[in-house]
Amino acid sequence: MWPLWRQDEEVDALVAACLFELAMNSAPPSTWMPVTFKDNG
């Protein structure tokens, strides 16, 4: 057993990273950039 999912926060971070990678790889920047970064500045 790999100790990758010991905490919900770790799972959330991992899932978010995977979804982010999928969005970057499958969707054009104009689709994901405003939605992902609109609250960061």
N, C-alpha and C. Protein backbone atom coordinates (compact mmCIF):
# COMPACT_ATOMS: atom_id res chain seq x y z
N MET A 1 0.85 -1.21 0.00
CA MET A 1 0.00 0.00 0.00
C MET A 1 0.87 1.25 0.00
N TRP A 2 0.61 2.13 -0.94
CA TRP A 2 1.36 3.39 -0.97
C TRP A 2 0.68 4.41 -0.07
N PRO A 3 1.44 5.09 0.78
CA PRO A 3 0.87 6.09 1.70
C PRO A 3 0.57 7.41 0.99
N LEU A 4 -0.21 7.36 -0.07
CA LEU A 4 -0.46 8.57 -0.85
C LEU A 4 -1.75 9.26 -0.42
N TRP A 5 -2.66 8.50 0.17
CA TRP A 5 -3.98 9.07 0.47
C TRP A 5 -4.30 8.96 1.95
N ARG A 6 -3.39 9.43 2.77
CA ARG A 6 -3.60 9.34 4.21
C ARG A 6 -4.55 10.41 4.71
N GLN A 7 -4.59 11.55 3.99
CA GLN A 7 -5.42 12.67 4.44
C GLN A 7 -6.26 13.18 3.28
N ASP A 8 -7.44 13.70 3.59
CA ASP A 8 -8.31 14.22 2.55
C ASP A 8 -7.66 15.38 1.82
N GLU A 9 -6.86 16.16 2.56
CA GLU A 9 -6.21 17.31 1.93
C GLU A 9 -5.25 16.84 0.85
N GLU A 10 -4.55 15.74 1.12
CA GLU A 10 -3.63 15.21 0.12
C GLU A 10 -4.39 14.73 -1.12
N VAL A 11 -5.53 14.10 -0.88
CA VAL A 11 -6.34 13.63 -2.00
C VAL A 11 -6.82 14.81 -2.82
N ASP A 12 -7.30 15.85 -2.14
CA ASP A 12 -7.80 17.02 -2.85
C ASP A 12 -6.69 17.65 -3.69
N ALA A 13 -5.50 17.74 -3.13
CA ALA A 13 -4.38 18.34 -3.85
C ALA A 13 -4.02 17.49 -5.07
N LEU A 14 -4.01 16.19 -4.89
CA LEU A 14 -3.65 15.29 -5.99
C LEU A 14 -4.68 15.37 -7.10
N VAL A 15 -5.96 15.32 -6.72
CA VAL A 15 -7.03 15.40 -7.72
C VAL A 15 -6.99 16.74 -8.44
N ALA A 16 -6.77 17.81 -7.70
CA ALA A 16 -6.72 19.14 -8.32
C ALA A 16 -5.57 19.21 -9.32
N ALA A 17 -4.43 18.64 -8.94
CA ALA A 17 -3.28 18.65 -9.85
C ALA A 17 -3.59 17.85 -11.11
N CYS A 18 -4.22 16.71 -10.95
CA CYS A 18 -4.54 15.87 -12.12
C CYS A 18 -5.53 16.59 -13.03
N LEU A 19 -6.57 17.19 -12.42
CA LEU A 19 -7.56 17.89 -13.23
C LEU A 19 -6.93 19.07 -13.95
N PHE A 20 -6.01 19.76 -13.27
CA PHE A 20 -5.33 20.90 -13.87
C PHE A 20 -4.51 20.46 -15.07
N GLU A 21 -3.80 19.35 -14.91
CA GLU A 21 -2.99 18.82 -16.02
C GLU A 21 -3.91 18.43 -17.19
N LEU A 22 -5.02 17.76 -16.88
CA LEU A 22 -5.94 17.36 -17.94
C LEU A 22 -6.49 18.58 -18.66
N ALA A 23 -6.84 19.61 -17.90
CA ALA A 23 -7.39 20.82 -18.51
C ALA A 23 -6.36 21.47 -19.42
N MET A 24 -5.11 21.53 -18.96
CA MET A 24 -4.05 22.15 -19.76
C MET A 24 -3.80 21.35 -21.03
N ASN A 25 -3.90 20.02 -20.93
CA ASN A 25 -3.57 19.16 -22.06
C ASN A 25 -4.73 19.03 -23.05
N SER A 26 -5.96 19.21 -22.58
CA SER A 26 -7.10 18.91 -23.44
C SER A 26 -7.86 20.16 -23.88
N ALA A 27 -7.72 21.26 -23.14
CA ALA A 27 -8.48 22.46 -23.45
C ALA A 27 -7.55 23.61 -23.84
N PRO A 28 -7.98 24.48 -24.72
CA PRO A 28 -7.17 25.63 -25.11
C PRO A 28 -7.05 26.62 -23.95
N PRO A 29 -5.97 27.39 -23.88
CA PRO A 29 -5.77 28.32 -22.77
C PRO A 29 -6.94 29.26 -22.56
N SER A 30 -7.61 29.64 -23.63
CA SER A 30 -8.71 30.59 -23.50
C SER A 30 -9.88 29.97 -22.73
N THR A 31 -9.88 28.64 -22.61
CA THR A 31 -10.98 27.98 -21.91
C THR A 31 -10.71 27.87 -20.42
N TRP A 32 -9.47 27.52 -20.05
CA TRP A 32 -9.20 27.23 -18.63
C TRP A 32 -8.48 28.35 -17.91
N MET A 33 -7.74 29.19 -18.64
CA MET A 33 -6.95 30.23 -17.98
C MET A 33 -7.82 31.20 -17.18
N PRO A 34 -8.88 31.79 -17.76
CA PRO A 34 -9.68 32.75 -16.99
C PRO A 34 -10.37 32.12 -15.79
N VAL A 35 -10.83 30.88 -15.96
CA VAL A 35 -11.56 30.21 -14.88
C VAL A 35 -10.62 29.84 -13.74
N THR A 36 -9.40 29.44 -14.09
CA THR A 36 -8.47 28.95 -13.08
C THR A 36 -7.81 30.09 -12.33
N PHE A 37 -7.50 31.17 -13.02
CA PHE A 37 -6.67 32.21 -12.43
C PHE A 37 -7.41 33.53 -12.18
N LYS A 38 -8.70 33.58 -12.42
CA LYS A 38 -9.41 34.86 -12.33
C LYS A 38 -9.42 35.41 -10.89
N ASP A 39 -9.29 34.51 -9.88
CA ASP A 39 -9.33 34.96 -8.49
C ASP A 39 -7.94 35.23 -7.93
N ASN A 40 -6.91 35.01 -8.73
CA ASN A 40 -5.55 35.13 -8.20
C ASN A 40 -4.88 36.45 -8.56
N GLY A 41 -5.60 37.38 -9.18
CA GLY A 41 -4.97 38.63 -9.46
C GLY A 41 -5.42 39.22 -10.77
